[in-house]
Amino acid sequence: MILESARDRIVRILVLSVGLGSIVFSLLGVGAIVRQVSFYPLGFLIVTIVIFCGVPPVMAVFSFRAPVRWLRRVAAGYLVATLVILALWIPATLKIPLPGSDTPWILTVITVATSTAAIVLRPVPAWIYLVVIAAASAVVRFEADGGTDALLAFQDGVMTALFSAVMLALLQLTLRAGQEQDAAATAAQDAAATAATSEVLERQRTQYQAFTHDNVLATLLSAARNTPGTLELTRESARGALQKLGEFRDAPVEGGDLNWDELESLLIAAALDTGVSIEITIDPDAHGLRTPPEVADALTAALAEALRNSIRHAQGTPDEPVNRLATARIRAGGIEIIVADDGQGFNPRRIAPDRLGVRVSILQRVTVVPGCTAEIHSIRGRGTTVRLGWTAAGARNADSA
């Protein structure tokens, strides 16, 4: 199951809130639109009404259906459209002062744009955008009044800035809370991965201590007793113990080969780091498999990167979610890992040079390790499948014999 980040969930909630708020502001501006309809060209008036009163509610409707990146793109377009309309407002009007010092209707909904800036822009650019919008609102107010009351226009600009600042600050604080929650979740996942690695090392140390107790001490005890008829048995036991000690010496605890259960723990930890569960099948003959650490490192890193790429690029909707599956099979001859989804897919031949996650973290990192393979199969509209594998040296020799 894929867990959407807290920040993305909050973005969806804010899009919904801003969209509903825009409906309220639009209703408050209906009277001004009716009074001022004859002061603007009809085409310009229709376009502005559609953008300011129509786009935010539409975003609210799709706030929990469309991918977050699409919502952000539409919101970014809305911000740009707001700047363009404010720049064209004065030349597009009929240049007749509004009656009774009436406020241009657009200023009743302008706070929606500054609130949307919190969803799209980083904090500093969002505050700069707010200042620009407030200043432009003051200019529009000044011109709409016939250029006779600069103080009133300044006051309206300040009020717009203050009200928008309160909304912007609240939205940014909400988004920051989501980011902090994501950071805490990532820290928890890292801690789980570290705990899994520590468990692997502890198992290796336990194996070494058990070997020392069962083999080395038993050999020494047998030699000390000097029981008649056991000399050759003691020598054989000593040779076996020395050979095993040599293996421990040549492959230190931290860098020694991993057992099947240690490899299983690392694969689970790597998948957990992305919020995805992995199904692992252990063949009955896999208990004798020994996996070199460089193989385990390459496969677990590539597994995590493949899952992150799938989460990042194969996004669905609540009505049509992306099905995503991660499986692994550990057998006597090696390991096979598959990460598959039915997302939009891509053309592997057109992988951009800057797609390091695909080229380096998945393909190159795995294929440079002896015995390891990595393949990516993807078709536009039909999903992506990543296959990772490693064949043990003994299994390769048996196949080639």
Protein backbone atom coordinates (compact mmCIF):
# COMPACT_ATOMS: atom_id res chain seq x y z
CA MET A 1 0.00 0.00 0.00
CA ILE A 2 1.32 3.48 -0.90
CA LEU A 3 1.12 6.14 1.75
CA GLU A 4 0.82 9.66 0.34
CA SER A 5 3.05 12.16 2.08
CA ALA A 6 1.52 14.35 4.77
CA ARG A 7 2.46 17.45 2.79
CA ASP A 8 0.60 16.22 -0.31
CA ARG A 9 -2.47 15.39 1.77
CA ILE A 10 -2.39 18.90 3.23
CA VAL A 11 -2.00 20.39 -0.25
CA ARG A 12 -5.19 18.61 -1.30
CA ILE A 13 -7.03 19.94 1.77
CA LEU A 14 -5.80 23.48 1.11
CA VAL A 15 -6.85 23.32 -2.55
CA LEU A 16 -10.30 22.25 -1.40
CA SER A 17 -10.43 25.02 1.23
CA VAL A 18 -9.28 27.75 -1.16
CA GLY A 19 -11.78 26.56 -3.77
CA LEU A 20 -14.66 26.68 -1.29
CA GLY A 21 -13.49 30.06 -0.03
CA SER A 22 -13.45 31.40 -3.58
CA ILE A 23 -17.13 30.52 -3.91
CA VAL A 24 -17.89 32.64 -0.84
CA PHE A 25 -15.86 35.59 -2.13
CA SER A 26 -17.48 35.27 -5.58
CA LEU A 27 -20.95 35.41 -4.06
CA LEU A 28 -19.94 38.53 -2.13
CA GLY A 29 -18.83 40.10 -5.42
CA VAL A 30 -21.98 39.34 -7.41
CA GLY A 31 -23.53 42.71 -6.54
CA ALA A 32 -20.43 44.60 -7.68
CA ILE A 33 -20.31 42.62 -10.94
CA VAL A 34 -23.93 43.48 -11.69
CA ARG A 35 -23.37 47.17 -10.96
CA GLN A 36 -20.17 47.37 -13.02
CA VAL A 37 -21.04 45.13 -15.98
CA SER A 38 -21.41 48.12 -18.33
CA PHE A 39 -17.97 49.50 -17.42
CA TYR A 40 -15.95 46.62 -18.91
CA PRO A 41 -15.75 45.06 -22.37
CA LEU A 42 -17.98 41.99 -22.38
CA GLY A 43 -15.28 39.58 -23.54
CA PHE A 44 -12.79 40.77 -20.92
CA LEU A 45 -15.46 40.56 -18.20
CA ILE A 46 -16.38 36.98 -19.14
CA VAL A 47 -12.75 35.85 -19.16
CA THR A 48 -12.05 37.39 -15.76
CA ILE A 49 -15.18 35.89 -14.22
CA VAL A 50 -14.31 32.43 -15.58
CA ILE A 51 -10.74 32.63 -14.24
CA PHE A 52 -11.41 34.18 -10.83
CA CYS A 53 -14.76 32.58 -10.07
CA GLY A 54 -14.43 29.32 -12.00
CA VAL A 55 -10.90 27.93 -11.74
CA PRO A 56 -10.62 27.63 -7.91
CA PRO A 57 -13.94 25.74 -7.52
CA VAL A 58 -12.94 23.36 -10.32
CA MET A 59 -9.66 22.72 -8.51
CA ALA A 60 -11.65 22.01 -5.35
CA VAL A 61 -13.76 19.42 -7.19
CA PHE A 62 -10.62 17.56 -8.30
CA SER A 63 -8.62 18.18 -5.13
CA PHE A 64 -8.83 14.52 -4.08
CA ARG A 65 -9.00 13.06 -7.58
CA ALA A 66 -6.17 14.57 -9.61
CA PRO A 67 -2.45 14.03 -8.90
CA VAL A 68 -0.95 16.72 -6.69
CA ARG A 69 1.49 17.82 -9.40
CA TRP A 70 -1.47 18.59 -11.71
CA LEU A 71 -3.18 20.62 -9.01
CA ARG A 72 0.00 22.62 -8.48
CA ARG A 73 0.36 23.26 -12.21
CA VAL A 74 -3.21 24.54 -12.50
CA ALA A 75 -2.69 26.70 -9.41
CA ALA A 76 0.52 28.12 -10.92
CA GLY A 77 -1.39 29.01 -14.09
CA TYR A 78 -4.01 30.70 -11.95
CA LEU A 79 -1.33 32.86 -10.28
CA VAL A 80 0.10 33.92 -13.63
CA ALA A 81 -3.37 34.69 -14.99
CA THR A 82 -4.05 36.90 -11.97
CA LEU A 83 -0.96 39.01 -12.65
CA VAL A 84 -1.82 39.31 -16.34
CA ILE A 85 -5.41 40.37 -15.66
CA LEU A 86 -4.35 42.98 -13.11
CA ALA A 87 -1.84 44.37 -15.61
CA LEU A 88 -4.56 44.57 -18.29
CA TRP A 89 -7.33 45.77 -15.99
CA ILE A 90 -6.79 49.49 -16.46
CA PRO A 91 -6.23 49.51 -20.25
CA ALA A 92 -9.11 47.05 -20.75
CA THR A 93 -11.70 49.14 -18.90
CA LEU A 94 -13.71 51.91 -20.50
CA LYS A 95 -11.75 54.40 -18.35
CA ILE A 96 -14.93 55.74 -16.75
CA PRO A 97 -14.75 56.16 -12.95
CA LEU A 98 -16.96 53.68 -11.19
CA PRO A 99 -20.08 55.23 -9.66
CA GLY A 100 -20.11 56.17 -6.00
CA SER A 101 -16.47 55.23 -5.42
CA ASP A 102 -17.43 51.63 -5.98
CA THR A 103 -14.64 49.06 -5.52
CA PRO A 104 -13.70 47.02 -8.63
CA TRP A 105 -15.25 43.60 -8.20
CA ILE A 106 -11.97 41.82 -8.83
CA LEU A 107 -10.60 43.13 -5.54
CA THR A 108 -13.24 41.17 -3.63
CA VAL A 109 -11.70 37.87 -4.80
CA ILE A 110 -8.01 38.83 -4.98
CA THR A 111 -7.23 37.15 -1.65
CA VAL A 112 -7.92 33.80 -3.29
CA ALA A 113 -4.87 34.32 -5.50
CA THR A 114 -2.56 35.23 -2.62
CA SER A 115 -3.78 32.19 -0.70
CA THR A 116 -3.11 29.99 -3.71
CA ALA A 117 0.47 31.28 -3.72
CA ALA A 118 1.11 29.37 -0.49
CA ILE A 119 0.33 26.11 -2.30
CA VAL A 120 2.59 26.75 -5.31
CA LEU A 121 5.43 29.03 -4.23
CA ARG A 122 8.11 28.80 -1.58
CA PRO A 123 7.64 31.11 1.42
CA VAL A 124 9.76 34.07 0.24
CA PRO A 125 8.42 34.17 -3.37
CA ALA A 126 4.89 33.80 -1.98
CA TRP A 127 5.34 36.91 0.19
CA ILE A 128 6.81 38.82 -2.76
CA TYR A 129 3.80 37.77 -4.83
CA LEU A 130 1.50 39.06 -2.08
CA VAL A 131 3.22 42.48 -2.05
CA VAL A 132 2.96 42.74 -5.85
CA ILE A 133 -0.73 41.82 -5.78
CA ALA A 134 -1.47 44.31 -2.99
CA ALA A 135 0.33 47.10 -4.84
CA ALA A 136 -1.46 46.30 -8.09
CA SER A 137 -4.78 46.27 -6.23
CA ALA A 138 -4.09 49.77 -4.88
CA VAL A 139 -3.31 51.02 -8.40
CA VAL A 140 -6.50 49.47 -9.81
CA ARG A 141 -8.52 51.02 -6.97
CA PHE A 142 -6.93 54.43 -7.58
CA GLU A 143 -7.69 54.37 -11.32
CA ALA A 144 -11.23 53.07 -10.79
CA ASP A 145 -11.91 56.09 -8.61
CA GLY A 146 -10.81 58.43 -11.37
CA GLY A 147 -7.41 59.08 -9.80
CA THR A 148 -8.84 61.46 -7.20
CA ASP A 149 -8.29 59.69 -3.87
CA ALA A 150 -4.81 58.25 -3.41
CA LEU A 151 -5.29 57.84 0.34
CA LEU A 152 -8.35 55.62 -0.15
CA ALA A 153 -6.48 53.50 -2.69
CA PHE A 154 -3.52 53.18 -0.29
CA GLN A 155 -5.81 52.12 2.54
CA ASP A 156 -7.50 49.50 0.37
CA GLY A 157 -4.09 48.17 -0.70
CA VAL A 158 -2.94 47.92 2.91
CA MET A 159 -6.14 46.16 3.95
CA THR A 160 -5.76 43.69 1.09
CA ALA A 161 -2.16 43.07 2.11
CA LEU A 162 -3.00 42.55 5.79
CA PHE A 163 -5.91 40.20 5.20
CA SER A 164 -3.98 38.25 2.58
CA ALA A 165 -0.94 38.07 4.87
CA VAL A 166 -2.98 36.44 7.62
CA MET A 167 -4.32 33.81 5.22
CA LEU A 168 -0.92 33.21 3.64
CA ALA A 169 0.80 32.78 7.00
CA LEU A 170 -1.81 30.29 8.19
CA LEU A 171 -1.53 28.23 5.02
CA GLN A 172 2.27 28.22 5.12
CA LEU A 173 2.26 27.10 8.75
CA THR A 174 -0.09 24.28 7.83
CA LEU A 175 2.18 23.15 5.00
CA ARG A 176 5.22 23.34 7.27
CA ALA A 177 3.46 21.07 9.75
CA GLY A 178 3.02 18.54 6.95
CA GLN A 179 6.70 18.77 6.04
CA GLU A 180 7.71 18.22 9.66
CA GLN A 181 5.44 15.18 9.82
CA ASP A 182 7.05 13.78 6.67
CA ALA A 183 10.50 14.40 8.15
CA ALA A 184 9.50 12.56 11.32
CA ALA A 185 8.17 9.64 9.26
CA THR A 186 11.40 9.50 7.26
CA ALA A 187 13.43 9.51 10.48
CA ALA A 188 11.31 6.65 11.80
CA GLN A 189 11.85 4.68 8.59
CA ASP A 190 15.61 5.30 8.75
CA ALA A 191 15.60 4.13 12.34
CA ALA A 192 13.79 0.95 11.29
CA ALA A 193 16.34 0.34 8.55
CA THR A 194 19.18 0.94 10.99
CA ALA A 195 17.59 -1.45 13.47
CA ALA A 196 17.29 -4.11 10.76
CA THR A 197 20.96 -3.67 9.84
CA SER A 198 21.97 -3.86 13.50
CA GLU A 199 19.97 -7.05 13.82
CA VAL A 200 21.88 -8.53 10.89
CA LEU A 201 25.25 -7.63 12.44
CA GLU A 202 24.15 -8.97 15.81
CA ARG A 203 23.21 -12.27 14.20
CA GLN A 204 26.67 -12.46 12.62
CA ARG A 205 28.34 -11.77 15.95
CA THR A 206 26.16 -14.42 17.58
CA GLN A 207 27.20 -16.92 14.93
CA TYR A 208 30.88 -16.14 15.54
CA GLN A 209 30.47 -16.49 19.30
CA ALA A 210 28.58 -19.76 18.90
CA PHE A 211 31.30 -21.09 16.61
CA THR A 212 33.99 -20.07 19.09
CA HIS A 213 32.20 -21.88 21.89
CA ASP A 214 31.18 -25.00 20.00
CA ASN A 215 34.24 -25.61 17.83
CA VAL A 216 37.30 -23.83 19.15
CA LEU A 217 36.72 -24.52 22.84
CA ALA A 218 35.68 -28.12 22.14
CA THR A 219 38.88 -28.69 20.19
CA LEU A 220 41.02 -27.19 22.94
CA LEU A 221 39.24 -29.24 25.59
CA SER A 222 39.75 -32.44 23.62
CA ALA A 223 43.45 -31.68 23.15
CA ALA A 224 43.87 -30.91 26.86
CA ARG A 225 42.35 -34.23 27.88
CA ASN A 226 44.65 -36.14 25.51
CA THR A 227 42.25 -39.07 25.46
CA PRO A 228 43.82 -42.15 23.77
CA GLY A 229 42.52 -42.79 20.24
CA THR A 230 41.16 -39.26 19.74
CA LEU A 231 44.35 -37.61 18.49
CA GLU A 232 43.42 -37.80 14.79
CA LEU A 233 39.87 -36.62 15.54
CA THR A 234 41.27 -33.68 17.49
CA ARG A 235 43.61 -32.78 14.64
CA GLU A 236 40.74 -32.86 12.14
CA SER A 237 38.61 -30.71 14.43
CA ALA A 238 41.49 -28.25 14.84
CA ARG A 239 42.02 -28.02 11.06
CA GLY A 240 38.30 -27.33 10.57
CA ALA A 241 38.30 -24.71 13.31
CA LEU A 242 41.38 -22.98 11.83
CA GLN A 243 39.77 -22.97 8.39
CA LYS A 244 36.59 -21.45 9.77
CA LEU A 245 38.55 -18.85 11.73
CA GLY A 246 40.32 -17.97 8.50
CA GLU A 247 36.96 -17.34 6.86
CA PHE A 248 35.96 -15.02 9.69
CA ARG A 249 39.31 -13.27 9.42
CA ASP A 250 39.11 -12.77 5.64
CA ALA A 251 35.45 -11.66 5.81
CA PRO A 252 35.00 -9.43 8.92
CA VAL A 253 31.70 -9.37 10.75
CA GLU A 254 30.73 -6.01 9.25
CA GLY A 255 31.53 -7.10 5.70
CA GLY A 256 30.82 -10.82 5.78
CA ASP A 257 28.39 -12.60 3.50
CA LEU A 258 24.75 -12.48 4.51
CA ASN A 259 22.49 -15.41 5.24
CA TRP A 260 19.09 -15.67 3.57
CA ASP A 261 17.27 -14.30 6.63
CA GLU A 262 19.67 -11.35 6.90
CA LEU A 263 19.10 -10.55 3.23
CA GLU A 264 15.35 -10.78 3.82
CA SER A 265 15.60 -8.23 6.65
CA LEU A 266 17.51 -5.77 4.46
CA LEU A 267 15.00 -6.09 1.61
CA ILE A 268 12.10 -5.46 3.99
CA ALA A 269 13.89 -2.43 5.45
CA ALA A 270 14.63 -1.00 1.98
CA ALA A 271 10.98 -1.30 0.95
CA LEU A 272 9.80 0.08 4.30
CA ASP A 273 11.86 3.20 3.68
CA THR A 274 9.54 4.05 0.76
CA GLY A 275 6.29 3.07 2.49
CA VAL A 276 5.75 -0.01 0.31
CA SER A 277 5.45 -3.60 1.50
CA ILE A 278 7.38 -6.31 -0.34
CA GLU A 279 6.35 -9.95 -0.72
CA ILE A 280 9.33 -12.26 -0.22
CA THR A 281 9.35 -15.95 -1.13
CA ILE A 282 12.02 -18.18 0.40
CA ASP A 283 12.71 -21.44 -1.47
CA PRO A 284 13.41 -24.46 0.75
CA ASP A 285 16.90 -24.80 -0.74
CA ALA A 286 17.79 -21.13 -0.03
CA HIS A 287 19.03 -21.71 3.50
CA GLY A 288 22.58 -22.29 2.31
CA LEU A 289 22.74 -19.11 0.21
CA ARG A 290 25.45 -16.62 1.13
CA THR A 291 25.11 -13.14 -0.37
CA PRO A 292 28.13 -10.80 -0.60
CA PRO A 293 27.53 -7.40 1.06
CA GLU A 294 28.20 -5.48 -2.17
CA VAL A 295 25.43 -7.48 -3.85
CA ALA A 296 23.01 -6.83 -0.98
CA ASP A 297 23.86 -3.10 -0.99
CA ALA A 298 23.35 -2.75 -4.75
CA LEU A 299 20.07 -4.69 -4.83
CA THR A 300 18.50 -3.01 -1.80
CA ALA A 301 19.47 0.48 -3.04
CA ALA A 302 18.10 -0.28 -6.52
CA LEU A 303 14.90 -1.73 -4.99
CA ALA A 304 14.32 1.44 -2.96
CA GLU A 305 15.04 3.69 -5.97
CA ALA A 306 12.72 1.70 -8.23
CA LEU A 307 9.90 2.05 -5.68
CA ARG A 308 10.57 5.77 -5.24
CA ASN A 309 10.50 6.28 -9.02
CA SER A 310 7.21 4.39 -9.25
CA ILE A 311 5.67 6.47 -6.46
CA ARG A 312 6.98 9.71 -7.98
CA HIS A 313 6.04 9.16 -11.61
CA ALA A 314 3.24 6.56 -11.68
CA GLN A 315 0.58 8.50 -9.81
CA GLY A 316 -3.08 7.61 -10.17
CA THR A 317 -6.36 8.98 -8.88
CA PRO A 318 -8.77 7.77 -6.16
CA ASP A 319 -11.04 6.45 -8.92
CA GLU A 320 -8.20 4.78 -10.83
CA PRO A 321 -5.34 4.11 -8.40
CA VAL A 322 -2.06 2.73 -9.65
CA ASN A 323 -1.53 -0.91 -8.73
CA ARG A 324 2.02 -1.39 -7.49
CA LEU A 325 3.69 -4.66 -6.49
CA ALA A 326 7.15 -5.49 -5.14
CA THR A 327 8.22 -9.12 -4.88
CA ALA A 328 11.43 -10.98 -4.18
CA ARG A 329 12.43 -14.60 -4.43
CA ILE A 330 15.43 -15.98 -2.57
CA ARG A 331 16.66 -19.36 -3.78
CA ALA A 332 19.82 -21.40 -3.62
CA GLY A 333 21.04 -20.01 -6.93
CA GLY A 334 20.51 -16.34 -6.16
CA ILE A 335 17.92 -13.60 -5.85
CA GLU A 336 15.20 -12.19 -8.10
CA ILE A 337 13.42 -8.90 -7.35
CA ILE A 338 10.52 -7.43 -9.35
CA VAL A 339 8.95 -3.98 -8.97
CA ALA A 340 5.93 -3.47 -11.23
CA ASP A 341 3.14 -0.93 -11.64
CA ASP A 342 0.36 -0.27 -14.15
CA GLY A 343 0.94 3.49 -14.32
CA GLN A 344 1.43 5.65 -17.40
CA GLY A 345 4.82 4.16 -18.22
CA PHE A 346 7.54 5.75 -20.37
CA ASN A 347 9.90 5.09 -23.26
CA PRO A 348 13.14 3.63 -21.82
CA ARG A 349 15.02 4.68 -24.94
CA ARG A 350 14.27 8.31 -24.16
CA ILE A 351 15.51 8.38 -20.60
CA ALA A 352 16.88 11.89 -20.09
CA PRO A 353 20.55 12.23 -19.10
CA ASP A 354 19.51 13.84 -15.81
CA ARG A 355 17.38 10.84 -14.82
CA LEU A 356 20.12 9.60 -12.49
CA GLY A 357 17.67 7.56 -10.47
CA VAL A 358 17.16 5.26 -13.47
CA ARG A 359 20.61 5.33 -15.04
CA VAL A 360 22.82 5.27 -11.96
CA SER A 361 20.84 4.11 -8.94
CA ILE A 362 19.14 1.26 -10.77
CA LEU A 363 20.97 0.23 -13.94
CA GLN A 364 24.63 1.08 -13.44
CA ARG A 365 24.79 0.45 -9.71
CA VAL A 366 23.50 -3.09 -10.13
CA THR A 367 25.15 -4.16 -13.38
CA VAL A 368 28.66 -3.22 -12.24
CA VAL A 369 28.44 -5.84 -9.46
CA PRO A 370 29.54 -9.31 -10.66
CA GLY A 371 26.62 -11.65 -11.15
CA CYS A 372 23.98 -8.90 -10.90
CA THR A 373 21.49 -7.90 -13.58
CA ALA A 374 19.00 -5.06 -13.96
CA GLU A 375 16.32 -4.60 -16.59
CA ILE A 376 13.63 -1.96 -17.06
CA HIS A 377 10.63 -2.68 -19.26
CA SER A 378 8.09 0.08 -19.81
CA ILE A 379 5.45 0.97 -22.38
CA ARG A 380 3.52 4.22 -22.42
CA GLY A 381 0.07 3.62 -20.97
CA ARG A 382 0.89 0.06 -19.89
CA GLY A 383 3.08 0.48 -16.84
CA THR A 384 6.67 -0.26 -15.86
CA THR A 385 8.47 -3.37 -14.63
CA VAL A 386 11.93 -3.36 -13.04
CA ARG A 387 13.74 -6.69 -12.68
CA LEU A 388 16.77 -7.02 -10.45
CA GLY A 389 18.73 -10.18 -9.88
CA TRP A 390 21.90 -11.87 -8.73
CA THR A 391 23.14 -15.34 -9.56
CA ALA A 392 25.55 -16.94 -7.12
CA ALA A 393 28.96 -17.99 -8.46
CA GLY A 394 28.29 -21.66 -7.77
CA ALA A 395 24.99 -21.51 -9.66
CA ARG A 396 26.67 -19.80 -12.64
CA ASN A 397 29.37 -22.42 -12.76
CA ALA A 398 26.77 -25.19 -12.65
CA ASP A 399 24.83 -23.59 -15.49
CA SER A 400 27.93 -23.21 -17.66
CA ALA A 401 29.19 -26.76 -17.00
